[in-house]
Protein backbone atom coordinates (compact mmCIF):
# COMPACT_ATOMS: atom_id res chain seq x y z
CA UNK A 1 0.00 0.00 0.00
CA UNK A 2 1.43 3.40 -1.01
CA UNK A 3 1.90 5.71 1.97
CA UNK A 4 0.13 9.03 1.45
CA UNK A 5 0.26 12.18 3.53
CA UNK A 6 -2.76 12.95 5.73
CA UNK A 7 -3.12 16.24 3.84
CA UNK A 8 -4.01 14.20 0.72
CA UNK A 9 -6.99 12.60 2.47
CA UNK A 10 -8.00 15.99 3.87
CA UNK A 11 -8.06 17.57 0.41
CA UNK A 12 -9.95 14.64 -1.10
CA UNK A 13 -12.48 14.68 1.73
CA UNK A 14 -13.17 18.41 1.38
CA UNK A 15 -13.51 18.14 -2.38
CA UNK A 16 -15.97 15.25 -2.08
CA UNK A 17 -18.15 17.29 0.28
CA UNK A 18 -18.08 20.24 -2.13
CA UNK A 19 -19.03 17.95 -5.01
CA UNK A 20 -22.04 16.82 -2.97
CA UNK A 21 -23.17 20.45 -2.77
CA UNK A 22 -22.44 20.73 0.96
CA UNK A 23 -21.12 23.84 2.72
CA UNK A 24 -19.06 24.12 5.89
CA UNK A 25 -20.62 25.77 8.94
CA UNK A 26 -18.76 26.33 12.21
CA UNK A 27 -20.64 26.04 15.50
CA UNK A 28 -19.70 25.96 19.18
CA UNK A 29 -21.05 23.29 21.54
CA UNK A 30 -20.19 21.62 24.83
CA UNK A 31 -17.63 18.80 24.28
CA UNK A 32 -19.93 16.15 25.77
CA UNK A 33 -22.59 16.91 23.13
CA UNK A 34 -20.26 15.97 20.24
CA UNK A 35 -21.83 12.52 19.60
CA UNK A 36 -25.30 14.09 19.28
CA UNK A 37 -24.00 16.70 16.85
CA UNK A 38 -22.30 14.01 14.78
CA UNK A 39 -25.54 12.05 14.37
CA UNK A 40 -27.42 15.25 13.51
CA UNK A 41 -24.80 16.23 10.92
CA UNK A 42 -25.08 12.86 9.17
CA UNK A 43 -28.85 13.24 9.04
CA UNK A 44 -28.60 16.74 7.59
CA UNK A 45 -26.23 15.49 4.89
CA UNK A 46 -28.61 12.70 3.90
CA UNK A 47 -32.27 13.75 4.25
CA UNK A 48 -34.46 10.86 5.31
CA UNK A 49 -31.65 8.88 6.92
CA UNK A 50 -32.94 9.46 10.46
CA UNK A 51 -35.70 6.84 10.26
CA UNK A 52 -33.35 4.28 8.72
CA UNK A 53 -30.79 4.91 11.47
CA UNK A 54 -33.36 4.37 14.20
CA UNK A 55 -34.62 1.17 12.56
CA UNK A 56 -31.11 -0.24 12.19
CA UNK A 57 -30.21 0.55 15.78
CA UNK A 58 -33.39 -1.12 17.06
CA UNK A 59 -32.59 -4.28 15.12
CA UNK A 60 -29.04 -4.48 16.41
CA UNK A 61 -30.03 -3.85 20.02
CA UNK A 62 -32.09 -7.05 20.07
CA UNK A 63 -29.00 -9.04 20.96
CA UNK A 64 -25.52 -8.42 22.30
CA UNK A 65 -22.61 -10.69 21.48
CA UNK A 66 -18.86 -10.91 21.88
CA UNK A 67 -17.56 -10.18 18.40
CA UNK A 68 -14.83 -12.04 16.58
CA UNK A 69 -13.05 -10.43 13.63
CA UNK A 70 -14.83 -12.72 11.17
CA UNK A 71 -18.27 -12.11 12.66
CA UNK A 72 -17.68 -8.37 12.77
CA UNK A 73 -16.64 -8.38 9.12
CA UNK A 74 -19.81 -10.23 8.11
CA UNK A 75 -22.04 -7.93 10.19
CA UNK A 76 -20.42 -4.68 9.07
CA UNK A 77 -20.67 -5.75 5.43
CA UNK A 78 -24.46 -5.50 5.70
CA UNK A 79 -24.43 -1.94 7.01
CA UNK A 80 -25.48 1.13 5.04
CA UNK A 81 -22.01 2.68 5.36
CA UNK A 82 -20.62 -0.07 3.13
CA UNK A 83 -23.68 -0.89 1.03
CA UNK A 84 -24.13 2.66 -0.26
CA UNK A 85 -20.51 2.98 -1.41
CA UNK A 86 -19.34 5.44 1.23
CA UNK A 87 -16.78 2.88 2.43
CA UNK A 88 -15.45 -0.56 1.57
CA UNK A 89 -14.26 -3.30 3.87
CA UNK A 90 -12.14 -6.41 3.50
CA UNK A 91 -10.91 -9.11 5.86
CA UNK A 92 -7.14 -9.52 5.94
CA UNK A 93 -6.23 -13.00 7.10
CA UNK A 94 -2.81 -12.91 8.75
CA UNK A 95 -1.34 -14.14 12.01
CA UNK A 96 -3.83 -11.78 13.63
CA UNK A 97 -6.81 -11.15 11.30
CA UNK A 98 -7.86 -7.55 10.87
CA UNK A 99 -10.33 -5.49 8.86
CA UNK A 100 -9.11 -3.03 6.24
CA UNK A 101 -11.64 -0.24 5.82
CA UNK A 102 -11.40 2.47 3.16
CA UNK A 103 -13.48 5.56 3.89
CA UNK A 104 -14.35 6.94 0.45
CA UNK A 105 -16.20 9.92 1.93
CA UNK A 106 -12.89 10.93 3.53
CA UNK A 107 -10.62 10.85 0.49
CA UNK A 108 -10.17 7.04 0.59
CA UNK A 109 -8.74 7.23 4.11
CA UNK A 110 -7.59 3.73 5.21
CA UNK A 111 -8.53 2.43 8.67
CA UNK A 112 -7.62 -0.85 10.32
CA UNK A 113 -9.80 -2.65 12.85
CA UNK A 114 -8.89 -5.60 15.06
CA UNK A 115 -10.70 -7.61 17.71
CA UNK A 116 -8.55 -8.78 20.60
CA UNK A 117 -10.12 -10.58 23.54
CA UNK A 118 -12.77 -8.16 24.79
CA UNK A 119 -11.73 -5.05 22.87
CA UNK A 120 -12.23 -3.66 19.37
CA UNK A 121 -9.50 -1.31 18.18
CA UNK A 122 -9.74 0.88 15.06
CA UNK A 123 -6.83 3.07 13.98
CA UNK A 124 -5.51 5.31 11.22
CA UNK A 125 -2.08 6.64 10.34
CA UNK A 126 -1.52 10.36 10.91
CA UNK A 127 2.15 10.91 10.03
CA UNK A 128 5.55 9.25 10.29
CA UNK A 129 7.18 10.60 13.45
CA UNK A 130 10.07 11.93 11.38
CA UNK A 131 7.66 14.28 9.57
CA UNK A 132 6.94 16.19 12.80
CA UNK A 133 9.19 19.24 13.04
CA UNK A 134 9.30 19.56 16.86
CA UNK A 135 8.15 16.37 18.53
CA UNK A 136 8.35 17.73 22.09
CA UNK A 137 6.17 20.71 21.21
CA UNK A 138 3.80 18.51 19.23
CA UNK A 139 3.45 15.98 22.05
CA UNK A 140 2.64 18.78 24.50
CA UNK A 141 0.04 20.20 22.13
CA UNK A 142 -1.59 16.78 21.72
CA UNK A 143 -1.80 16.33 25.50
CA UNK A 144 -3.47 19.73 25.82
CA UNK A 145 -5.99 19.26 23.03
CA UNK A 146 -6.72 15.56 22.52
CA UNK A 147 -9.87 15.81 24.66
CA UNK A 148 -11.50 17.76 21.82
CA UNK A 149 -11.43 14.67 19.60
CA UNK A 150 -14.34 12.71 21.01
CA UNK A 151 -13.77 8.92 21.28
CA UNK A 152 -10.30 9.06 19.66
CA UNK A 153 -6.74 9.24 20.97
CA UNK A 154 -3.37 10.07 19.39
CA UNK A 155 -0.55 7.61 20.01
CA UNK A 156 2.83 6.38 18.75
CA UNK A 157 3.07 3.08 16.91
CA UNK A 158 6.46 1.37 16.59
CA UNK A 159 7.04 -0.87 13.58
CA UNK A 160 9.25 -4.01 13.72
CA UNK A 161 12.05 -2.08 11.96
CA UNK A 162 11.96 0.60 14.66
CA UNK A 163 10.09 3.19 12.56
CA UNK A 164 7.66 5.30 14.60
CA UNK A 165 4.34 6.61 13.31
CA UNK A 166 1.78 8.87 14.92
CA UNK A 167 -1.63 7.23 14.76
CA UNK A 168 -5.14 8.07 15.88
CA UNK A 169 -7.22 5.28 17.33
CA UNK A 170 -10.44 4.45 19.11
CA UNK A 171 -11.28 1.51 21.35
CA UNK A 172 -14.56 -0.01 22.44
CA UNK A 173 -15.84 -3.19 24.03
CA UNK A 174 -16.09 -6.34 21.92
CA UNK A 175 -19.64 -6.61 23.35
CA UNK A 176 -20.64 -3.31 21.68
CA UNK A 177 -23.77 -3.24 19.56
CA UNK A 178 -23.20 -2.87 15.83
CA UNK A 179 -24.42 0.77 15.50
CA UNK A 180 -21.80 1.79 18.08
CA UNK A 181 -19.06 0.06 16.08
CA UNK A 182 -20.15 1.91 12.93
CA UNK A 183 -20.27 5.16 14.90
CA UNK A 184 -16.70 4.55 16.14
CA UNK A 185 -15.48 4.02 12.57
CA UNK A 186 -17.10 7.19 11.24
CA UNK A 187 -16.04 9.23 14.27
CA UNK A 188 -12.41 8.16 13.89
CA UNK A 189 -12.38 9.09 10.19
CA UNK A 190 -13.86 12.49 10.99
CA UNK A 191 -11.36 13.05 13.81
CA UNK A 192 -8.41 12.18 11.58
CA UNK A 193 -9.44 14.94 9.18
CA UNK A 194 -9.89 17.39 12.05
CA UNK A 195 -6.51 16.41 13.52
CA UNK A 196 -4.71 17.09 10.24
CA UNK A 197 -6.22 20.57 10.31
CA UNK A 198 -5.48 21.20 14.00
CA UNK A 199 -1.86 20.01 13.92
CA UNK A 200 -0.80 20.86 10.38
CA UNK A 201 1.66 23.54 11.55
CA UNK A 202 3.71 20.86 13.33
CA UNK A 203 4.13 18.69 10.24
CA UNK A 204 6.78 19.09 7.59
CA UNK A 205 5.05 18.91 4.21
CA UNK A 206 7.25 17.49 1.46
C-alpha atoms as a PDB file:
ATOM      1  CA  UNK A   1       0.000   0.000   0.000  1.00  0.00           C
ATOM      2  CA  UNK A   2       1.425   3.404  -1.008  1.00  0.00           C
ATOM      3  CA  UNK A   3       1.899   5.713   1.968  1.00  0.00           C
ATOM      4  CA  UNK A   4       0.133   9.027   1.454  1.00  0.00           C
ATOM      5  CA  UNK A   5       0.259  12.181   3.534  1.00  0.00           C
ATOM      6  CA  UNK A   6      -2.759  12.954   5.729  1.00  0.00           C
ATOM      7  CA  UNK A   7      -3.121  16.238   3.837  1.00  0.00           C
ATOM      8  CA  UNK A   8      -4.008  14.199   0.722  1.00  0.00           C
ATOM      9  CA  UNK A   9      -6.987  12.604   2.474  1.00  0.00           C
ATOM     10  CA  UNK A  10      -7.995  15.987   3.873  1.00  0.00           C
ATOM     11  CA  UNK A  11      -8.057  17.573   0.407  1.00  0.00           C
ATOM     12  CA  UNK A  12      -9.951  14.642  -1.103  1.00  0.00           C
ATOM     13  CA  UNK A  13     -12.479  14.678   1.734  1.00  0.00           C
ATOM     14  CA  UNK A  14     -13.168  18.407   1.382  1.00  0.00           C
ATOM     15  CA  UNK A  15     -13.512  18.144  -2.384  1.00  0.00           C
ATOM     16  CA  UNK A  16     -15.967  15.249  -2.078  1.00  0.00           C
ATOM     17  CA  UNK A  17     -18.151  17.291   0.281  1.00  0.00           C
ATOM     18  CA  UNK A  18     -18.077  20.239  -2.127  1.00  0.00           C
ATOM     19  CA  UNK A  19     -19.026  17.951  -5.009  1.00  0.00           C
ATOM     20  CA  UNK A  20     -22.037  16.825  -2.975  1.00  0.00           C
ATOM     21  CA  UNK A  21     -23.173  20.453  -2.768  1.00  0.00           C
ATOM     22  CA  UNK A  22     -22.435  20.730   0.958  1.00  0.00           C
ATOM     23  CA  UNK A  23     -21.125  23.838   2.715  1.00  0.00           C
ATOM     24  CA  UNK A  24     -19.059  24.123   5.890  1.00  0.00           C
ATOM     25  CA  UNK A  25     -20.624  25.773   8.942  1.00  0.00           C
ATOM     26  CA  UNK A  26     -18.756  26.328  12.208  1.00  0.00           C
ATOM     27  CA  UNK A  27     -20.642  26.042  15.503  1.00  0.00           C
ATOM     28  CA  UNK A  28     -19.701  25.956  19.182  1.00  0.00           C
ATOM     29  CA  UNK A  29     -21.050  23.290  21.541  1.00  0.00           C
ATOM     30  CA  UNK A  30     -20.186  21.623  24.828  1.00  0.00           C
ATOM     31  CA  UNK A  31     -17.629  18.799  24.276  1.00  0.00           C
ATOM     32  CA  UNK A  32     -19.928  16.154  25.769  1.00  0.00           C
ATOM     33  CA  UNK A  33     -22.588  16.908  23.131  1.00  0.00           C
ATOM     34  CA  UNK A  34     -20.263  15.968  20.241  1.00  0.00           C
ATOM     35  CA  UNK A  35     -21.831  12.518  19.599  1.00  0.00           C
ATOM     36  CA  UNK A  36     -25.298  14.087  19.285  1.00  0.00           C
ATOM     37  CA  UNK A  37     -24.002  16.695  16.851  1.00  0.00           C
ATOM     38  CA  UNK A  38     -22.297  14.011  14.781  1.00  0.00           C
ATOM     39  CA  UNK A  39     -25.535  12.051  14.373  1.00  0.00           C
ATOM     40  CA  UNK A  40     -27.418  15.248  13.506  1.00  0.00           C
ATOM     41  CA  UNK A  41     -24.801  16.232  10.918  1.00  0.00           C
ATOM     42  CA  UNK A  42     -25.084  12.857   9.169  1.00  0.00           C
ATOM     43  CA  UNK A  43     -28.855  13.243   9.038  1.00  0.00           C
ATOM     44  CA  UNK A  44     -28.605  16.740   7.589  1.00  0.00           C
ATOM     45  CA  UNK A  45     -26.233  15.490   4.887  1.00  0.00           C
ATOM     46  CA  UNK A  46     -28.613  12.699   3.896  1.00  0.00           C
ATOM     47  CA  UNK A  47     -32.268  13.752   4.254  1.00  0.00           C
ATOM     48  CA  UNK A  48     -34.465  10.856   5.307  1.00  0.00           C
ATOM     49  CA  UNK A  49     -31.646   8.880   6.923  1.00  0.00           C
ATOM     50  CA  UNK A  50     -32.942   9.455  10.457  1.00  0.00           C
ATOM     51  CA  UNK A  51     -35.697   6.839  10.259  1.00  0.00           C
ATOM     52  CA  UNK A  52     -33.347   4.283   8.723  1.00  0.00           C
ATOM     53  CA  UNK A  53     -30.794   4.910  11.466  1.00  0.00           C
ATOM     54  CA  UNK A  54     -33.360   4.375  14.201  1.00  0.00           C
ATOM     55  CA  UNK A  55     -34.619   1.174  12.565  1.00  0.00           C
ATOM     56  CA  UNK A  56     -31.105  -0.240  12.185  1.00  0.00           C
ATOM     57  CA  UNK A  57     -30.214   0.546  15.783  1.00  0.00           C
ATOM     58  CA  UNK A  58     -33.387  -1.123  17.060  1.00  0.00           C
ATOM     59  CA  UNK A  59     -32.586  -4.285  15.116  1.00  0.00           C
ATOM     60  CA  UNK A  60     -29.038  -4.482  16.407  1.00  0.00           C
ATOM     61  CA  UNK A  61     -30.028  -3.847  20.017  1.00  0.00           C
ATOM     62  CA  UNK A  62     -32.091  -7.049  20.074  1.00  0.00           C
ATOM     63  CA  UNK A  63     -29.000  -9.044  20.962  1.00  0.00           C
ATOM     64  CA  UNK A  64     -25.519  -8.418  22.304  1.00  0.00           C
ATOM     65  CA  UNK A  65     -22.608 -10.688  21.483  1.00  0.00           C
ATOM     66  CA  UNK A  66     -18.861 -10.910  21.879  1.00  0.00           C
ATOM     67  CA  UNK A  67     -17.560 -10.183  18.401  1.00  0.00           C
ATOM     68  CA  UNK A  68     -14.827 -12.038  16.578  1.00  0.00           C
ATOM     69  CA  UNK A  69     -13.053 -10.426  13.634  1.00  0.00           C
ATOM     70  CA  UNK A  70     -14.826 -12.724  11.167  1.00  0.00           C
ATOM     71  CA  UNK A  71     -18.270 -12.111  12.661  1.00  0.00           C
ATOM     72  CA  UNK A  72     -17.678  -8.368  12.771  1.00  0.00           C
ATOM     73  CA  UNK A  73     -16.642  -8.381   9.116  1.00  0.00           C
ATOM     74  CA  UNK A  74     -19.814 -10.226   8.108  1.00  0.00           C
ATOM     75  CA  UNK A  75     -22.037  -7.930  10.194  1.00  0.00           C
ATOM     76  CA  UNK A  76     -20.421  -4.682   9.066  1.00  0.00           C
ATOM     77  CA  UNK A  77     -20.667  -5.754   5.427  1.00  0.00           C
ATOM     78  CA  UNK A  78     -24.460  -5.502   5.703  1.00  0.00           C
ATOM     79  CA  UNK A  79     -24.435  -1.938   7.009  1.00  0.00           C
ATOM     80  CA  UNK A  80     -25.476   1.134   5.037  1.00  0.00           C
ATOM     81  CA  UNK A  81     -22.008   2.683   5.356  1.00  0.00           C
ATOM     82  CA  UNK A  82     -20.616  -0.069   3.125  1.00  0.00           C
ATOM     83  CA  UNK A  83     -23.676  -0.888   1.034  1.00  0.00           C
ATOM     84  CA  UNK A  84     -24.130   2.656  -0.264  1.00  0.00           C
ATOM     85  CA  UNK A  85     -20.511   2.975  -1.405  1.00  0.00           C
ATOM     86  CA  UNK A  86     -19.337   5.445   1.230  1.00  0.00           C
ATOM     87  CA  UNK A  87     -16.784   2.881   2.433  1.00  0.00           C
ATOM     88  CA  UNK A  88     -15.447  -0.560   1.571  1.00  0.00           C
ATOM     89  CA  UNK A  89     -14.265  -3.299   3.873  1.00  0.00           C
ATOM     90  CA  UNK A  90     -12.139  -6.411   3.497  1.00  0.00           C
ATOM     91  CA  UNK A  91     -10.913  -9.110   5.856  1.00  0.00           C
ATOM     92  CA  UNK A  92      -7.140  -9.515   5.939  1.00  0.00           C
ATOM     93  CA  UNK A  93      -6.225 -13.003   7.096  1.00  0.00           C
ATOM     94  CA  UNK A  94      -2.808 -12.908   8.751  1.00  0.00           C
ATOM     95  CA  UNK A  95      -1.335 -14.144  12.014  1.00  0.00           C
ATOM     96  CA  UNK A  96      -3.833 -11.785  13.627  1.00  0.00           C
ATOM     97  CA  UNK A  97      -6.812 -11.153  11.302  1.00  0.00           C
ATOM     98  CA  UNK A  98      -7.862  -7.552  10.868  1.00  0.00           C
ATOM     99  CA  UNK A  99     -10.326  -5.487   8.858  1.00  0.00           C
ATOM    100  CA  UNK A 100      -9.110  -3.028   6.237  1.00  0.00           C
ATOM    101  CA  UNK A 101     -11.637  -0.239   5.820  1.00  0.00           C
ATOM    102  CA  UNK A 102     -11.398   2.468   3.163  1.00  0.00           C
ATOM    103  CA  UNK A 103     -13.478   5.561   3.889  1.00  0.00           C
ATOM    104  CA  UNK A 104     -14.352   6.942   0.446  1.00  0.00           C
ATOM    105  CA  UNK A 105     -16.196   9.917   1.931  1.00  0.00           C
ATOM    106  CA  UNK A 106     -12.893  10.928   3.530  1.00  0.00           C
ATOM    107  CA  UNK A 107     -10.619  10.854   0.488  1.00  0.00           C
ATOM    108  CA  UNK A 108     -10.172   7.039   0.594  1.00  0.00           C
ATOM    109  CA  UNK A 109      -8.743   7.233   4.113  1.00  0.00           C
ATOM    110  CA  UNK A 110      -7.588   3.732   5.213  1.00  0.00           C
ATOM    111  CA  UNK A 111      -8.528   2.427   8.666  1.00  0.00           C
ATOM    112  CA  UNK A 112      -7.618  -0.850  10.319  1.00  0.00           C
ATOM    113  CA  UNK A 113      -9.802  -2.649  12.855  1.00  0.00           C
ATOM    114  CA  UNK A 114      -8.885  -5.596  15.065  1.00  0.00           C
ATOM    115  CA  UNK A 115     -10.699  -7.606  17.709  1.00  0.00           C
ATOM    116  CA  UNK A 116      -8.552  -8.781  20.604  1.00  0.00           C
ATOM    117  CA  UNK A 117     -10.123 -10.584  23.541  1.00  0.00           C
ATOM    118  CA  UNK A 118     -12.772  -8.160  24.794  1.00  0.00           C
ATOM    119  CA  UNK A 119     -11.731  -5.051  22.868  1.00  0.00           C
ATOM    120  CA  UNK A 120     -12.229  -3.656  19.375  1.00  0.00           C
ATOM    121  CA  UNK A 121      -9.501  -1.311  18.176  1.00  0.00           C
ATOM    122  CA  UNK A 122      -9.740   0.878  15.063  1.00  0.00           C
ATOM    123  CA  UNK A 123      -6.830   3.066  13.984  1.00  0.00           C
ATOM    124  CA  UNK A 124      -5.505   5.306  11.220  1.00  0.00           C
ATOM    125  CA  UNK A 125      -2.081   6.643  10.340  1.00  0.00           C
ATOM    126  CA  UNK A 126      -1.522  10.358  10.911  1.00  0.00           C
ATOM    127  CA  UNK A 127       2.153  10.912  10.029  1.00  0.00           C
ATOM    128  CA  UNK A 128       5.555   9.247  10.292  1.00  0.00           C
ATOM    129  CA  UNK A 129       7.179  10.605  13.455  1.00  0.00           C
ATOM    130  CA  UNK A 130      10.070  11.933  11.378  1.00  0.00           C
ATOM    131  CA  UNK A 131       7.665  14.275   9.571  1.00  0.00           C
ATOM    132  CA  UNK A 132       6.938  16.188  12.802  1.00  0.00           C
ATOM    133  CA  UNK A 133       9.194  19.241  13.040  1.00  0.00           C
ATOM    134  CA  UNK A 134       9.301  19.557  16.864  1.00  0.00           C
ATOM    135  CA  UNK A 135       8.148  16.374  18.530  1.00  0.00           C
ATOM    136  CA  UNK A 136       8.346  17.735  22.091  1.00  0.00           C
ATOM    137  CA  UNK A 137       6.166  20.714  21.213  1.00  0.00           C
ATOM    138  CA  UNK A 138       3.803  18.511  19.229  1.00  0.00           C
ATOM    139  CA  UNK A 139       3.450  15.979  22.052  1.00  0.00           C
ATOM    140  CA  UNK A 140       2.643  18.778  24.503  1.00  0.00           C
ATOM    141  CA  UNK A 141       0.041  20.200  22.131  1.00  0.00           C
ATOM    142  CA  UNK A 142      -1.592  16.776  21.721  1.00  0.00           C
ATOM    143  CA  UNK A 143      -1.795  16.331  25.498  1.00  0.00           C
ATOM    144  CA  UNK A 144      -3.466  19.731  25.816  1.00  0.00           C
ATOM    145  CA  UNK A 145      -5.986  19.264  23.025  1.00  0.00           C
ATOM    146  CA  UNK A 146      -6.721  15.556  22.517  1.00  0.00           C
ATOM    147  CA  UNK A 147      -9.873  15.813  24.657  1.00  0.00           C
ATOM    148  CA  UNK A 148     -11.499  17.765  21.823  1.00  0.00           C
ATOM    149  CA  UNK A 149     -11.429  14.666  19.598  1.00  0.00           C
ATOM    150  CA  UNK A 150     -14.336  12.709  21.007  1.00  0.00           C
ATOM    151  CA  UNK A 151     -13.769   8.924  21.282  1.00  0.00           C
ATOM    152  CA  UNK A 152     -10.300   9.065  19.664  1.00  0.00           C
ATOM    153  CA  UNK A 153      -6.738   9.238  20.972  1.00  0.00           C
ATOM    154  CA  UNK A 154      -3.374  10.066  19.389  1.00  0.00           C
ATOM    155  CA  UNK A 155      -0.548   7.609  20.008  1.00  0.00           C
ATOM    156  CA  UNK A 156       2.835   6.382  18.750  1.00  0.00           C
ATOM    157  CA  UNK A 157       3.069   3.081  16.912  1.00  0.00           C
ATOM    158  CA  UNK A 158       6.457   1.374  16.592  1.00  0.00           C
ATOM    159  CA  UNK A 159       7.043  -0.873  13.579  1.00  0.00           C
ATOM    160  CA  UNK A 160       9.251  -4.008  13.716  1.00  0.00           C
ATOM    161  CA  UNK A 161      12.047  -2.076  11.962  1.00  0.00           C
ATOM    162  CA  UNK A 162      11.958   0.604  14.656  1.00  0.00           C
ATOM    163  CA  UNK A 163      10.094   3.193  12.559  1.00  0.00           C
ATOM    164  CA  UNK A 164       7.663   5.297  14.596  1.00  0.00           C
ATOM    165  CA  UNK A 165       4.342   6.605  13.310  1.00  0.00           C
ATOM    166  CA  UNK A 166       1.782   8.867  14.923  1.00  0.00           C
ATOM    167  CA  UNK A 167      -1.634   7.230  14.765  1.00  0.00           C
ATOM    168  CA  UNK A 168      -5.142   8.066  15.882  1.00  0.00           C
ATOM    169  CA  UNK A 169      -7.220   5.275  17.334  1.00  0.00           C
ATOM    170  CA  UNK A 170     -10.436   4.446  19.111  1.00  0.00           C
ATOM    171  CA  UNK A 171     -11.280   1.512  21.349  1.00  0.00           C
ATOM    172  CA  UNK A 172     -14.559  -0.012  22.441  1.00  0.00           C
ATOM    173  CA  UNK A 173     -15.839  -3.187  24.032  1.00  0.00           C
ATOM    174  CA  UNK A 174     -16.092  -6.338  21.921  1.00  0.00           C
ATOM    175  CA  UNK A 175     -19.641  -6.612  23.348  1.00  0.00           C
ATOM    176  CA  UNK A 176     -20.639  -3.313  21.679  1.00  0.00           C
ATOM    177  CA  UNK A 177     -23.770  -3.242  19.559  1.00  0.00           C
ATOM    178  CA  UNK A 178     -23.196  -2.865  15.834  1.00  0.00           C
ATOM    179  CA  UNK A 179     -24.419   0.772  15.499  1.00  0.00           C
ATOM    180  CA  UNK A 180     -21.803   1.786  18.081  1.00  0.00           C
ATOM    181  CA  UNK A 181     -19.060   0.062  16.082  1.00  0.00           C
ATOM    182  CA  UNK A 182     -20.146   1.908  12.931  1.00  0.00           C
ATOM    183  CA  UNK A 183     -20.268   5.164  14.897  1.00  0.00           C
ATOM    184  CA  UNK A 184     -16.704   4.548  16.139  1.00  0.00           C
ATOM    185  CA  UNK A 185     -15.483   4.022  12.565  1.00  0.00           C
ATOM    186  CA  UNK A 186     -17.098   7.189  11.237  1.00  0.00           C
ATOM    187  CA  UNK A 187     -16.042   9.230  14.266  1.00  0.00           C
ATOM    188  CA  UNK A 188     -12.412   8.164  13.890  1.00  0.00           C
ATOM    189  CA  UNK A 189     -12.375   9.091  10.193  1.00  0.00           C
ATOM    190  CA  UNK A 190     -13.864  12.492  10.992  1.00  0.00           C
ATOM    191  CA  UNK A 191     -11.364  13.051  13.810  1.00  0.00           C
ATOM    192  CA  UNK A 192      -8.408  12.178  11.584  1.00  0.00           C
ATOM    193  CA  UNK A 193      -9.438  14.944   9.181  1.00  0.00           C
ATOM    194  CA  UNK A 194      -9.895  17.391  12.047  1.00  0.00           C
ATOM    195  CA  UNK A 195      -6.512  16.410  13.522  1.00  0.00           C
ATOM    196  CA  UNK A 196      -4.711  17.086  10.242  1.00  0.00           C
ATOM    197  CA  UNK A 197      -6.224  20.569  10.306  1.00  0.00           C
ATOM    198  CA  UNK A 198      -5.484  21.196  13.996  1.00  0.00           C
ATOM    199  CA  UNK A 199      -1.863  20.013  13.921  1.00  0.00           C
ATOM    200  CA  UNK A 200      -0.799  20.864  10.378  1.00  0.00           C
ATOM    201  CA  UNK A 201       1.658  23.539  11.554  1.00  0.00           C
ATOM    202  CA  UNK A 202       3.711  20.864  13.334  1.00  0.00           C
ATOM    203  CA  UNK A 203       4.129  18.690  10.238  1.00  0.00           C
ATOM    204  CA  UNK A 204       6.778  19.094   7.591  1.00  0.00           C
ATOM    205  CA  UNK A 205       5.048  18.910   4.208  1.00  0.00           C
ATOM    206  CA  UNK A 206       7.246  17.493   1.465  1.00  0.00           C
END
